[in-house]
């Protein structure tokens, strides 16, 4: 009887380890300011299937994320966060999404420079 219980406990432990083996933890920057931002960012991250923990820190602008990497990846989570108006290093929120967030949530957006390409007129040789 004791060996049977020990066997069941051992199988249970292997099952728990197998499930937790696919969990991954990542940290990345998400731009925002306040507690309203925190709620919005964490809700967006947790809306992605496979995300179990999302904790955003307003001071550091970093989110600690735990997710099942067989169901999702960081790219999908950052896309979801950008959809609700918050820029990440990989994905920039659309101006429309950014403009929908409250004024207290408006953060200084990183400007992306566009390079001007000049067209050269090439004349054929005579």
N, C-alpha and C. Protein backbone atom coordinates (compact mmCIF):
# COMPACT_ATOMS: atom_id res chain seq x y z
N UNK A 1 0.82 -1.19 0.00
CA UNK A 1 0.00 0.00 0.00
C UNK A 1 0.87 1.25 0.00
N UNK A 2 1.93 1.27 0.82
CA UNK A 2 2.81 2.43 0.87
C UNK A 2 3.51 2.66 -0.46
N UNK A 3 3.90 1.59 -1.12
CA UNK A 3 4.58 1.75 -2.41
C UNK A 3 3.61 2.29 -3.46
N UNK A 4 2.36 1.90 -3.39
CA UNK A 4 1.35 2.39 -4.33
C UNK A 4 1.15 3.90 -4.13
N UNK A 5 1.03 4.35 -2.89
CA UNK A 5 0.87 5.78 -2.59
C UNK A 5 2.11 6.55 -3.03
N UNK A 6 3.29 5.99 -2.75
CA UNK A 6 4.54 6.63 -3.16
C UNK A 6 4.61 6.73 -4.68
N UNK A 7 4.16 5.72 -5.37
CA UNK A 7 4.16 5.74 -6.85
C UNK A 7 3.21 6.81 -7.37
N UNK A 8 2.05 6.94 -6.77
CA UNK A 8 1.08 7.95 -7.20
C UNK A 8 1.64 9.34 -6.96
N UNK A 9 2.23 9.56 -5.80
CA UNK A 9 2.82 10.86 -5.49
C UNK A 9 3.95 11.18 -6.47
N UNK A 10 4.78 10.21 -6.78
CA UNK A 10 5.87 10.41 -7.72
C UNK A 10 5.34 10.76 -9.10
N UNK A 11 4.33 10.06 -9.57
CA UNK A 11 3.73 10.38 -10.88
C UNK A 11 3.14 11.79 -10.89
N UNK A 12 2.50 12.15 -9.79
CA UNK A 12 1.93 13.50 -9.68
C UNK A 12 3.03 14.55 -9.79
N UNK A 13 4.14 14.34 -9.10
CA UNK A 13 5.25 15.30 -9.12
C UNK A 13 5.83 15.43 -10.52
N UNK A 14 5.98 14.31 -11.24
CA UNK A 14 6.47 14.37 -12.61
C UNK A 14 5.51 15.15 -13.50
N UNK A 15 4.22 14.97 -13.27
CA UNK A 15 3.21 15.71 -14.04
C UNK A 15 3.30 17.21 -13.79
N UNK A 16 3.48 17.59 -12.54
CA UNK A 16 3.61 19.01 -12.19
C UNK A 16 4.86 19.60 -12.83
N UNK A 17 5.96 18.87 -12.80
CA UNK A 17 7.20 19.36 -13.40
C UNK A 17 7.06 19.47 -14.91
N UNK A 18 6.36 18.56 -15.55
CA UNK A 18 6.19 18.61 -17.00
C UNK A 18 5.35 19.82 -17.40
N UNK A 19 4.34 20.13 -16.63
CA UNK A 19 3.49 21.28 -16.93
C UNK A 19 4.26 22.58 -16.74
N UNK A 20 5.01 22.69 -15.66
CA UNK A 20 5.73 23.92 -15.38
C UNK A 20 6.95 24.09 -16.28
N UNK A 21 7.39 23.03 -16.94
CA UNK A 21 8.57 23.12 -17.80
C UNK A 21 8.32 24.00 -19.01
N UNK A 22 7.06 24.13 -19.45
CA UNK A 22 6.77 24.94 -20.64
C UNK A 22 6.51 26.39 -20.27
N UNK A 23 6.53 26.74 -18.98
CA UNK A 23 6.36 28.13 -18.57
C UNK A 23 7.66 28.89 -18.76
N UNK A 24 7.53 30.10 -19.25
CA UNK A 24 8.70 30.94 -19.50
C UNK A 24 8.44 32.30 -18.86
N UNK A 25 9.49 32.93 -18.36
CA UNK A 25 9.37 34.26 -17.78
C UNK A 25 10.20 35.23 -18.61
N UNK A 26 9.59 36.36 -18.94
CA UNK A 26 10.27 37.41 -19.72
C UNK A 26 9.99 38.76 -19.08
N UNK A 27 10.89 39.69 -19.26
CA UNK A 27 10.72 41.08 -18.83
C UNK A 27 10.99 41.97 -20.03
N UNK A 28 10.14 42.99 -20.22
CA UNK A 28 10.38 43.94 -21.29
C UNK A 28 9.72 45.27 -20.95
N UNK A 29 10.14 46.31 -21.64
CA UNK A 29 9.67 47.67 -21.37
C UNK A 29 8.33 47.92 -22.04
N UNK A 30 7.42 48.56 -21.27
CA UNK A 30 6.13 49.00 -21.77
C UNK A 30 5.94 50.43 -21.27
N UNK A 31 5.67 51.35 -22.19
CA UNK A 31 5.56 52.76 -21.82
C UNK A 31 4.17 53.07 -21.27
N UNK A 32 4.14 53.81 -20.16
CA UNK A 32 2.91 54.20 -19.49
C UNK A 32 3.28 55.03 -18.27
N UNK A 33 2.27 55.44 -17.50
CA UNK A 33 2.53 56.34 -16.37
C UNK A 33 1.95 55.93 -15.03
N UNK A 34 0.72 55.46 -15.01
CA UNK A 34 -0.02 55.43 -13.74
C UNK A 34 -0.68 54.07 -13.48
N UNK A 35 -1.50 54.05 -12.44
CA UNK A 35 -2.22 52.83 -12.07
C UNK A 35 -3.26 52.43 -13.12
N UNK A 36 -3.82 53.42 -13.81
CA UNK A 36 -4.75 53.10 -14.90
C UNK A 36 -4.00 52.39 -16.03
N UNK A 37 -2.80 52.86 -16.30
CA UNK A 37 -1.95 52.21 -17.31
C UNK A 37 -1.65 50.78 -16.88
N UNK A 38 -1.29 50.62 -15.60
CA UNK A 38 -0.96 49.30 -15.07
C UNK A 38 -2.11 48.32 -15.30
N UNK A 39 -3.32 48.75 -14.97
CA UNK A 39 -4.48 47.88 -15.13
C UNK A 39 -4.70 47.52 -16.60
N UNK A 40 -4.57 48.52 -17.49
CA UNK A 40 -4.81 48.31 -18.92
C UNK A 40 -3.74 47.39 -19.52
N UNK A 41 -2.47 47.64 -19.17
CA UNK A 41 -1.36 46.85 -19.71
C UNK A 41 -1.46 45.40 -19.24
N UNK A 42 -1.69 45.20 -17.95
CA UNK A 42 -1.78 43.84 -17.41
C UNK A 42 -2.98 43.09 -17.97
N UNK A 43 -4.12 43.78 -18.13
CA UNK A 43 -5.31 43.15 -18.69
C UNK A 43 -5.06 42.72 -20.13
N UNK A 44 -4.40 43.58 -20.91
CA UNK A 44 -4.10 43.25 -22.30
C UNK A 44 -3.16 42.05 -22.38
N UNK A 45 -2.14 42.03 -21.53
CA UNK A 45 -1.19 40.91 -21.53
C UNK A 45 -1.88 39.60 -21.14
N UNK A 46 -2.71 39.67 -20.11
CA UNK A 46 -3.39 38.45 -19.64
C UNK A 46 -4.48 37.98 -20.60
N UNK A 47 -4.90 38.84 -21.52
CA UNK A 47 -5.92 38.43 -22.50
C UNK A 47 -5.35 37.47 -23.55
N UNK A 48 -4.04 37.40 -23.64
CA UNK A 48 -3.38 36.50 -24.59
C UNK A 48 -3.39 35.09 -24.00
N UNK A 49 -3.90 34.14 -24.76
CA UNK A 49 -3.98 32.76 -24.31
C UNK A 49 -2.59 32.23 -23.98
N UNK A 50 -2.42 31.72 -22.78
CA UNK A 50 -1.15 31.17 -22.34
C UNK A 50 -0.43 32.03 -21.32
N UNK A 51 -0.86 33.30 -21.17
CA UNK A 51 -0.23 34.18 -20.19
C UNK A 51 -0.85 33.93 -18.82
N UNK A 52 -0.03 33.62 -17.83
CA UNK A 52 -0.56 33.35 -16.50
C UNK A 52 -0.28 34.49 -15.52
N UNK A 53 0.82 35.22 -15.71
CA UNK A 53 1.17 36.31 -14.81
C UNK A 53 1.66 37.49 -15.63
N UNK A 54 1.14 38.68 -15.30
CA UNK A 54 1.62 39.92 -15.90
C UNK A 54 1.65 40.97 -14.80
N UNK A 55 2.82 41.52 -14.52
CA UNK A 55 2.97 42.51 -13.47
C UNK A 55 3.83 43.66 -14.00
N UNK A 56 3.17 44.82 -14.23
CA UNK A 56 3.85 46.00 -14.77
C UNK A 56 4.21 46.95 -13.65
N UNK A 57 5.43 47.47 -13.68
CA UNK A 57 5.93 48.41 -12.67
C UNK A 57 5.99 49.80 -13.29
N UNK A 58 5.23 50.75 -12.74
CA UNK A 58 5.15 52.11 -13.29
C UNK A 58 6.48 52.86 -13.17
N UNK A 59 7.26 52.58 -12.15
CA UNK A 59 8.54 53.28 -11.98
C UNK A 59 9.57 52.84 -13.00
N UNK A 60 9.70 51.55 -13.19
CA UNK A 60 10.72 51.03 -14.10
C UNK A 60 10.22 50.88 -15.53
N UNK A 61 8.89 50.93 -15.71
CA UNK A 61 8.25 50.73 -17.01
C UNK A 61 8.48 49.31 -17.55
N UNK A 62 8.75 48.38 -16.64
CA UNK A 62 9.03 47.00 -17.04
C UNK A 62 7.87 46.10 -16.63
N UNK A 63 7.58 45.13 -17.49
CA UNK A 63 6.56 44.14 -17.17
C UNK A 63 7.25 42.80 -16.99
N UNK A 64 6.85 42.09 -15.94
CA UNK A 64 7.32 40.73 -15.69
C UNK A 64 6.18 39.82 -16.15
N UNK A 65 6.49 38.93 -17.06
CA UNK A 65 5.48 38.12 -17.73
C UNK A 65 5.82 36.66 -17.58
N UNK A 66 4.85 35.85 -17.20
CA UNK A 66 5.01 34.40 -17.19
C UNK A 66 3.96 33.82 -18.12
N UNK A 67 4.42 32.96 -19.04
CA UNK A 67 3.50 32.43 -20.05
C UNK A 67 3.93 31.03 -20.48
N UNK A 68 2.99 30.33 -21.07
CA UNK A 68 3.23 29.01 -21.61
C UNK A 68 3.75 29.20 -23.03
N UNK A 69 5.03 28.92 -23.25
CA UNK A 69 5.62 29.19 -24.55
C UNK A 69 5.19 28.21 -25.65
N UNK A 70 4.39 27.23 -25.28
CA UNK A 70 3.81 26.36 -26.31
C UNK A 70 2.50 26.96 -26.84
N UNK A 71 1.97 27.98 -26.15
CA UNK A 71 0.72 28.61 -26.57
C UNK A 71 0.92 30.01 -27.14
N UNK A 72 1.95 30.71 -26.69
CA UNK A 72 2.14 32.09 -27.13
C UNK A 72 3.61 32.47 -27.08
N UNK A 73 3.89 33.71 -27.47
CA UNK A 73 5.26 34.22 -27.38
C UNK A 73 5.22 35.71 -27.04
N UNK A 74 6.38 36.27 -26.79
CA UNK A 74 6.48 37.67 -26.38
C UNK A 74 5.93 38.60 -27.46
N UNK A 75 6.15 38.27 -28.70
CA UNK A 75 5.67 39.09 -29.81
C UNK A 75 4.15 39.28 -29.75
N UNK A 76 3.41 38.21 -29.53
CA UNK A 76 1.94 38.28 -29.46
C UNK A 76 1.49 39.12 -28.27
N UNK A 77 2.17 38.99 -27.16
CA UNK A 77 1.82 39.76 -25.97
C UNK A 77 2.09 41.24 -26.21
N UNK A 78 3.21 41.56 -26.82
CA UNK A 78 3.52 42.96 -27.10
C UNK A 78 2.54 43.56 -28.11
N UNK A 79 2.08 42.77 -29.06
CA UNK A 79 1.06 43.25 -30.00
C UNK A 79 -0.23 43.58 -29.27
N UNK A 80 -0.64 42.73 -28.34
CA UNK A 80 -1.86 42.97 -27.58
C UNK A 80 -1.75 44.24 -26.75
N UNK A 81 -0.59 44.47 -26.17
CA UNK A 81 -0.38 45.68 -25.36
C UNK A 81 -0.41 46.92 -26.25
N UNK A 82 0.21 46.85 -27.41
CA UNK A 82 0.21 47.98 -28.35
C UNK A 82 -1.21 48.29 -28.83
N UNK A 83 -2.04 47.29 -28.98
CA UNK A 83 -3.43 47.50 -29.42
C UNK A 83 -4.22 48.37 -28.46
N UNK A 84 -3.86 48.36 -27.17
CA UNK A 84 -4.59 49.16 -26.18
C UNK A 84 -3.93 50.51 -25.93
N UNK A 85 -2.90 50.85 -26.73
CA UNK A 85 -2.35 52.19 -26.67
C UNK A 85 -0.99 52.37 -26.02
N UNK A 86 -0.29 51.28 -25.73
CA UNK A 86 1.01 51.39 -25.05
C UNK A 86 2.12 50.83 -25.93
N UNK A 87 3.15 51.66 -26.13
CA UNK A 87 4.30 51.26 -26.93
C UNK A 87 5.18 50.29 -26.16
N UNK A 88 5.78 49.37 -26.90
CA UNK A 88 6.82 48.49 -26.37
C UNK A 88 8.04 48.68 -27.27
N UNK A 89 9.12 48.02 -26.96
CA UNK A 89 10.29 48.15 -27.81
C UNK A 89 10.08 47.48 -29.17
N UNK A 90 9.24 46.47 -29.22
CA UNK A 90 9.00 45.76 -30.48
C UNK A 90 7.82 46.31 -31.27
N UNK A 91 6.80 46.83 -30.59
CA UNK A 91 5.57 47.28 -31.27
C UNK A 91 5.14 48.64 -30.77
N UNK A 92 4.85 49.52 -31.72
CA UNK A 92 4.37 50.85 -31.39
C UNK A 92 2.85 50.86 -31.55
N UNK A 93 2.16 51.44 -30.58
CA UNK A 93 0.70 51.56 -30.66
C UNK A 93 0.35 52.51 -31.81
N UNK A 94 -0.79 52.27 -32.42
CA UNK A 94 -1.24 53.19 -33.46
C UNK A 94 -1.59 54.52 -32.80
N UNK A 95 -1.55 55.59 -33.58
CA UNK A 95 -1.92 56.90 -33.04
C UNK A 95 -3.36 56.87 -32.55
N UNK A 96 -4.22 56.15 -33.25
CA UNK A 96 -5.63 56.04 -32.85
C UNK A 96 -5.76 55.39 -31.47
N UNK A 97 -5.04 54.29 -31.24
CA UNK A 97 -5.10 53.60 -29.94
C UNK A 97 -4.50 54.48 -28.85
N UNK A 98 -3.38 55.14 -29.14
CA UNK A 98 -2.74 56.01 -28.16
C UNK A 98 -3.65 57.17 -27.78
N UNK A 99 -4.33 57.75 -28.74
CA UNK A 99 -5.19 58.90 -28.47
C UNK A 99 -6.44 58.53 -27.67
N UNK A 100 -6.78 57.25 -27.58
CA UNK A 100 -7.94 56.81 -26.81
C UNK A 100 -7.65 56.70 -25.31
N UNK A 101 -6.38 56.63 -24.93
CA UNK A 101 -6.09 56.49 -23.50
C UNK A 101 -6.25 57.85 -22.81
N UNK A 102 -6.50 57.82 -21.51
CA UNK A 102 -6.74 59.04 -20.72
C UNK A 102 -5.51 59.95 -20.75
N UNK A 103 -5.74 61.24 -20.53
CA UNK A 103 -4.65 62.21 -20.57
C UNK A 103 -3.55 61.90 -19.56
N UNK A 104 -3.92 61.41 -18.38
CA UNK A 104 -2.90 61.08 -17.37
C UNK A 104 -2.04 59.90 -17.81
N UNK A 105 -2.52 59.15 -18.77
CA UNK A 105 -1.80 57.96 -19.25
C UNK A 105 -0.88 58.28 -20.42
N UNK A 106 -0.99 59.47 -20.97
CA UNK A 106 -0.17 59.84 -22.14
C UNK A 106 1.28 59.96 -21.71
N UNK A 107 2.11 59.19 -22.33
CA UNK A 107 3.54 59.17 -22.05
C UNK A 107 4.26 59.79 -23.24
N UNK A 108 5.50 60.17 -23.04
CA UNK A 108 6.28 60.74 -24.13
C UNK A 108 6.66 59.61 -25.08
N UNK A 109 6.18 59.73 -26.29
CA UNK A 109 6.43 58.68 -27.28
C UNK A 109 7.80 58.86 -27.92
N UNK A 110 8.45 57.76 -28.17
CA UNK A 110 9.75 57.78 -28.82
C UNK A 110 9.52 58.05 -30.30
N UNK A 111 10.17 59.06 -30.80
CA UNK A 111 10.00 59.42 -32.21
C UNK A 111 10.86 58.50 -33.06
N UNK A 112 10.27 58.04 -34.14
CA UNK A 112 11.03 57.25 -35.10
C UNK A 112 11.37 58.16 -36.27
N UNK A 113 12.62 58.18 -36.60
CA UNK A 113 13.07 59.05 -37.68
C UNK A 113 12.88 58.35 -39.02
N UNK A 114 12.42 59.11 -39.96
CA UNK A 114 12.31 58.60 -41.32
C UNK A 114 13.38 59.28 -42.14
N UNK A 115 14.07 58.51 -42.90
CA UNK A 115 15.13 59.07 -43.73
C UNK A 115 14.54 59.48 -45.07
N UNK A 116 14.93 60.66 -45.47
CA UNK A 116 14.46 61.17 -46.75
C UNK A 116 15.39 60.64 -47.84
N UNK A 117 14.77 60.06 -48.83
CA UNK A 117 15.52 59.53 -49.95
C UNK A 117 15.31 60.46 -51.13
N UNK A 118 16.39 60.95 -51.64
CA UNK A 118 16.29 61.84 -52.79
C UNK A 118 16.44 61.04 -54.06
N UNK A 119 15.61 61.42 -55.04
CA UNK A 119 15.70 60.77 -56.34
C UNK A 119 16.71 61.52 -57.18
N UNK A 120 17.58 60.78 -57.79
CA UNK A 120 18.56 61.38 -58.67
C UNK A 120 18.10 61.23 -60.10
N UNK A 121 18.26 62.28 -60.82
CA UNK A 121 17.90 62.23 -62.23
C UNK A 121 19.11 61.74 -62.99
N UNK A 122 18.95 60.65 -63.69
CA UNK A 122 20.04 60.06 -64.45
C UNK A 122 19.74 60.26 -65.92
N UNK A 123 20.67 60.91 -66.58
CA UNK A 123 20.52 61.14 -68.03
C UNK A 123 21.39 60.15 -68.75
N UNK A 124 20.88 59.65 -69.86
CA UNK A 124 21.70 58.69 -70.63
C UNK A 124 22.94 59.39 -71.23
N UNK A 125 23.99 58.64 -71.38
CA UNK A 125 25.23 59.15 -71.99
C UNK A 125 25.02 59.32 -73.49
N UNK A 126 25.65 60.33 -74.03
CA UNK A 126 25.51 60.57 -75.49
C UNK A 126 26.77 60.17 -76.20
